[in-house]
Amino acid sequence: MGLSRTQLFAAIRRDKRLDPEVSQRALAEKYGVHRRTVRQALLSAVPPPRKKPTPRATILDPAKPWIDEMLREDATAPRKQKHTARRIQPSADR
């Protein structure tokens, strides 16, 4: 089981404090992280916050307008003519 990011930062800072001559490259190899991570740990005891992922488009996005149109038409259609999940099929002209 690996260290949490906060524990990793604390371990890197502790090793550097105990042996000031140890290089960033040696610390990176010891903990299996990039030298950039070692540099961040030495600059701040608190790791930077995670970036928020950008929302991705879904597969249904191109079809949503005609599905909404179909469901609006179904509001006034007789019960037997309404679309169900099994009956909705994309047509070639849409």
C-alpha atoms as a PDB file:
ATOM      1  CA  MET A   1       0.000   0.000   0.000  1.00  0.00           C
ATOM      2  CA  GLY A   2       1.444   3.361  -1.013  1.00  0.00           C
ATOM      3  CA  LEU A   3       1.662   6.578   0.858  1.00  0.00           C
ATOM      4  CA  SER A   4      -0.952   9.272   0.575  1.00  0.00           C
ATOM      5  CA  ARG A   5       0.252  12.427  -1.135  1.00  0.00           C
ATOM      6  CA  THR A   6       0.480  14.290   2.198  1.00  0.00           C
ATOM      7  CA  GLN A   7       2.458  11.438   3.772  1.00  0.00           C
ATOM      8  CA  LEU A   8       4.742  11.337   0.730  1.00  0.00           C
ATOM      9  CA  PHE A   9       5.424  15.073   0.999  1.00  0.00           C
ATOM     10  CA  ALA A  10       6.172  14.669   4.735  1.00  0.00           C
ATOM     11  CA  ALA A  11       8.559  11.763   4.086  1.00  0.00           C
ATOM     12  CA  ILE A  12      10.421  13.680   1.370  1.00  0.00           C
ATOM     13  CA  ARG A  13      10.760  16.740   3.613  1.00  0.00           C
ATOM     14  CA  ARG A  14      11.911  14.572   6.549  1.00  0.00           C
ATOM     15  CA  ASP A  15      14.587  12.851   4.432  1.00  0.00           C
ATOM     16  CA  LYS A  16      15.843  16.185   3.137  1.00  0.00           C
ATOM     17  CA  ARG A  17      15.931  17.633   6.670  1.00  0.00           C
ATOM     18  CA  LEU A  18      17.886  14.609   8.014  1.00  0.00           C
ATOM     19  CA  ASP A  19      20.359  14.644   5.116  1.00  0.00           C
ATOM     20  CA  PRO A  20      20.576  18.093   3.472  1.00  0.00           C
ATOM     21  CA  GLU A  21      23.156  16.784   0.967  1.00  0.00           C
ATOM     22  CA  VAL A  22      20.745  14.312  -0.667  1.00  0.00           C
ATOM     23  CA  SER A  23      19.767  15.398  -4.182  1.00  0.00           C
ATOM     24  CA  GLN A  24      16.290  15.835  -5.567  1.00  0.00           C
ATOM     25  CA  ARG A  25      17.061  13.121  -8.116  1.00  0.00           C
ATOM     26  CA  ALA A  26      17.968  10.654  -5.337  1.00  0.00           C
ATOM     27  CA  LEU A  27      14.754  11.452  -3.456  1.00  0.00           C
ATOM     28  CA  ALA A  28      12.727  11.023  -6.630  1.00  0.00           C
ATOM     29  CA  GLU A  29      14.294   7.612  -7.274  1.00  0.00           C
ATOM     30  CA  LYS A  30      13.815   6.528  -3.665  1.00  0.00           C
ATOM     31  CA  TYR A  31      10.080   7.310  -3.632  1.00  0.00           C
ATOM     32  CA  GLY A  32       9.393   6.504  -7.288  1.00  0.00           C
ATOM     33  CA  VAL A  33       8.073   9.958  -8.148  1.00  0.00           C
ATOM     34  CA  HIS A  34       9.044  12.667 -10.618  1.00  0.00           C
ATOM     35  CA  ARG A  35      11.597  15.302  -9.641  1.00  0.00           C
ATOM     36  CA  ARG A  36       8.843  17.889 -10.059  1.00  0.00           C
ATOM     37  CA  THR A  37       6.940  16.219  -7.198  1.00  0.00           C
ATOM     38  CA  VAL A  38      10.049  16.345  -4.999  1.00  0.00           C
ATOM     39  CA  ARG A  39      10.451  20.035  -5.812  1.00  0.00           C
ATOM     40  CA  GLN A  40       6.804  20.696  -4.869  1.00  0.00           C
ATOM     41  CA  ALA A  41       7.265  18.802  -1.603  1.00  0.00           C
ATOM     42  CA  LEU A  42      10.337  20.821  -0.680  1.00  0.00           C
ATOM     43  CA  LEU A  43       8.594  24.109  -1.437  1.00  0.00           C
ATOM     44  CA  SER A  44       5.385  23.408   0.475  1.00  0.00           C
ATOM     45  CA  ALA A  45       4.278  20.871   3.102  1.00  0.00           C
ATOM     46  CA  VAL A  46       0.775  20.812   1.611  1.00  0.00           C
ATOM     47  CA  PRO A  47       0.343  19.212  -1.821  1.00  0.00           C
ATOM     48  CA  PRO A  48      -1.400  21.340  -4.465  1.00  0.00           C
ATOM     49  CA  PRO A  49      -5.132  20.645  -4.871  1.00  0.00           C
ATOM     50  CA  ARG A  50      -6.266  18.306  -7.621  1.00  0.00           C
ATOM     51  CA  LYS A  51      -7.448  19.826 -10.874  1.00  0.00           C
ATOM     52  CA  LYS A  52     -11.146  19.548 -11.653  1.00  0.00           C
ATOM     53  CA  PRO A  53     -11.703  17.381 -14.738  1.00  0.00           C
ATOM     54  CA  THR A  54     -13.398  19.079 -17.660  1.00  0.00           C
ATOM     55  CA  PRO A  55     -16.828  17.622 -18.431  1.00  0.00           C
ATOM     56  CA  ARG A  56     -16.881  15.472 -21.549  1.00  0.00           C
ATOM     57  CA  ALA A  57     -19.639  15.283 -24.124  1.00  0.00           C
ATOM     58  CA  THR A  58     -21.827  12.188 -24.025  1.00  0.00           C
ATOM     59  CA  ILE A  59     -22.637   9.934 -26.946  1.00  0.00           C
ATOM     60  CA  LEU A  60     -26.275  11.069 -26.781  1.00  0.00           C
ATOM     61  CA  ASP A  61     -25.525  14.784 -27.216  1.00  0.00           C
ATOM     62  CA  PRO A  62     -26.026  14.787 -31.022  1.00  0.00           C
ATOM     63  CA  ALA A  63     -29.321  12.874 -30.675  1.00  0.00           C
ATOM     64  CA  LYS A  64     -30.834  14.824 -27.782  1.00  0.00           C
ATOM     65  CA  PRO A  65     -32.672  17.432 -29.924  1.00  0.00           C
ATOM     66  CA  TRP A  66     -34.638  14.875 -31.956  1.00  0.00           C
ATOM     67  CA  ILE A  67     -35.328  12.730 -28.877  1.00  0.00           C
ATOM     68  CA  ASP A  68     -36.754  15.796 -27.092  1.00  0.00           C
ATOM     69  CA  GLU A  69     -38.837  16.644 -30.170  1.00  0.00           C
ATOM     70  CA  MET A  70     -40.173  13.080 -30.318  1.00  0.00           C
ATOM     71  CA  LEU A  71     -41.121  13.106 -26.642  1.00  0.00           C
ATOM     72  CA  ARG A  72     -42.896  16.473 -26.976  1.00  0.00           C
ATOM     73  CA  GLU A  73     -44.945  15.051 -29.863  1.00  0.00           C
ATOM     74  CA  ASP A  74     -45.776  12.022 -27.692  1.00  0.00           C
ATOM     75  CA  ALA A  75     -47.424  14.288 -25.107  1.00  0.00           C
ATOM     76  CA  THR A  76     -50.385  14.768 -27.457  1.00  0.00           C
ATOM     77  CA  ALA A  77     -50.326  11.338 -29.155  1.00  0.00           C
ATOM     78  CA  PRO A  78     -52.745   8.529 -28.276  1.00  0.00           C
ATOM     79  CA  ARG A  79     -51.473   5.998 -25.714  1.00  0.00           C
ATOM     80  CA  LYS A  80     -50.669   3.227 -28.214  1.00  0.00           C
ATOM     81  CA  GLN A  81     -48.721   5.581 -30.501  1.00  0.00           C
ATOM     82  CA  LYS A  82     -46.299   6.876 -27.888  1.00  0.00           C
ATOM     83  CA  HIS A  83     -42.627   5.948 -28.101  1.00  0.00           C
ATOM     84  CA  THR A  84     -41.088   3.610 -25.581  1.00  0.00           C
ATOM     85  CA  ALA A  85     -37.419   2.841 -24.960  1.00  0.00           C
ATOM     86  CA  ARG A  86     -37.690  -0.179 -27.257  1.00  0.00           C
ATOM     87  CA  ARG A  87     -39.544   1.660 -30.011  1.00  0.00           C
ATOM     88  CA  ILE A  88     -37.235   4.654 -30.373  1.00  0.00           C
ATOM     89  CA  GLN A  89     -35.053   4.018 -33.382  1.00  0.00           C
ATOM     90  CA  PRO A  90     -33.068   6.676 -35.160  1.00  0.00           C
ATOM     91  CA  SER A  91     -34.195   7.182 -38.696  1.00  0.00           C
ATOM     92  CA  ALA A  92     -31.811   7.865 -41.574  1.00  0.00           C
ATOM     93  CA  ASP A  93     -33.245  11.344 -42.329  1.00  0.00           C
ATOM     94  CA  ARG A  94     -32.509  12.858 -38.891  1.00  0.00           C
END
